[in-house]
Amino acid sequence: MERDEIFAKVRGYISTLFEVPADSITLDSDLQKDLDLDSIDAVDLIVKVQEFTGQKIKPDEFKTVRTVRDVVDRIYDLTNVKTS
């Protein structure tokens, strides 16, 4: 899955779950400062991401997430794991 597809999904989740206008959500939006999401909201977002990816996500994997781009990158990494 490509990053633009992931971004569209994440933007839809944020817009629906937290009633944030979709057009105000960009890759550079700060989850806390720009979108007013708190730690409880982050947990809700992680649950949606787990449903989307079909993978269990460890909380440590999202500790450094600050922007929508960070979320997209983490999902991209989870869904595009290369096996050797």
Protein backbone atom coordinates (compact mmCIF):
# COMPACT_ATOMS: atom_id res chain seq x y z
CA MET A 1 0.00 0.00 0.00
CA GLU A 2 1.30 3.44 -0.92
CA ARG A 3 1.65 6.39 1.43
CA ASP A 4 -1.05 8.44 -0.31
CA GLU A 5 -3.57 5.63 0.19
CA ILE A 6 -2.58 5.35 3.84
CA PHE A 7 -2.87 9.11 4.29
CA ALA A 8 -6.39 9.08 2.85
CA LYS A 9 -7.39 6.35 5.33
CA VAL A 10 -5.78 8.08 8.31
CA ARG A 11 -7.35 11.42 7.38
CA GLY A 12 -10.74 9.71 7.15
CA TYR A 13 -10.27 8.09 10.56
CA ILE A 14 -9.22 11.33 12.22
CA SER A 15 -12.05 13.24 10.60
CA THR A 16 -14.69 10.68 11.57
CA LEU A 17 -13.46 9.71 15.03
CA PHE A 18 -12.55 13.16 16.27
CA GLU A 19 -14.81 15.41 14.15
CA VAL A 20 -11.91 17.25 12.55
CA PRO A 21 -12.65 18.71 9.10
CA ALA A 22 -10.81 16.54 6.57
CA ASP A 23 -9.53 19.54 4.62
CA SER A 24 -7.69 20.79 7.72
CA ILE A 25 -5.71 17.53 8.06
CA THR A 26 -2.37 17.54 6.29
CA LEU A 27 0.69 15.33 6.53
CA ASP A 28 2.37 18.02 8.61
CA SER A 29 -0.53 18.43 11.05
CA ASP A 30 0.64 17.97 14.62
CA LEU A 31 -1.73 15.52 16.30
CA GLN A 32 -1.79 17.39 19.58
CA LYS A 33 -1.21 21.04 18.66
CA ASP A 34 -3.08 21.27 15.35
CA LEU A 35 -5.72 18.55 15.70
CA ASP A 36 -6.21 18.73 19.49
CA LEU A 37 -5.86 14.97 19.99
CA ASP A 38 -4.92 13.76 23.46
CA SER A 39 -3.47 10.44 24.67
CA ILE A 40 -6.92 8.80 24.84
CA ASP A 41 -7.56 9.86 21.24
CA ALA A 42 -4.18 8.37 20.28
CA VAL A 43 -5.27 5.02 21.71
CA ASP A 44 -8.49 5.18 19.68
CA LEU A 45 -6.47 5.96 16.56
CA ILE A 46 -4.12 3.03 17.24
CA VAL A 47 -7.14 0.71 17.53
CA LYS A 48 -8.35 1.88 14.11
CA VAL A 49 -4.86 1.44 12.66
CA GLN A 50 -4.75 -2.12 14.02
CA GLU A 51 -8.10 -2.86 12.36
CA PHE A 52 -6.82 -1.32 9.11
CA THR A 53 -3.49 -3.17 9.06
CA GLY A 54 -4.68 -6.39 10.66
CA GLN A 55 -1.58 -6.25 12.86
CA LYS A 56 -1.09 -5.80 16.58
CA ILE A 57 0.73 -2.56 17.29
CA LYS A 58 2.98 -2.20 20.29
CA PRO A 59 2.50 1.11 22.10
CA ASP A 60 6.27 1.70 21.89
CA GLU A 61 5.96 1.87 18.09
CA PHE A 62 3.79 4.98 18.41
CA LYS A 63 5.58 6.79 21.27
CA THR A 64 7.46 9.09 18.93
CA VAL A 65 4.49 9.83 16.66
CA ARG A 66 3.78 13.55 16.60
CA THR A 67 2.37 14.31 13.14
CA VAL A 68 0.01 12.71 10.68
CA ARG A 69 3.09 11.98 8.53
CA ASP A 70 4.54 9.98 11.45
CA VAL A 71 1.36 7.89 11.60
CA VAL A 72 1.44 7.31 7.85
CA ASP A 73 5.11 6.31 7.98
CA ARG A 74 4.51 3.82 10.82
CA ILE A 75 1.61 2.22 8.95
CA TYR A 76 3.66 2.13 5.76
CA ASP A 77 6.48 0.39 7.62
CA LEU A 78 4.06 -2.13 9.16
CA THR A 79 2.34 -2.96 5.89
CA ASN A 80 5.42 -3.07 3.71
CA VAL A 81 7.69 -5.29 5.76
CA LYS A 82 10.27 -6.94 3.58
CA THR A 83 11.06 -10.55 4.39
CA SER A 84 14.43 -12.00 3.44
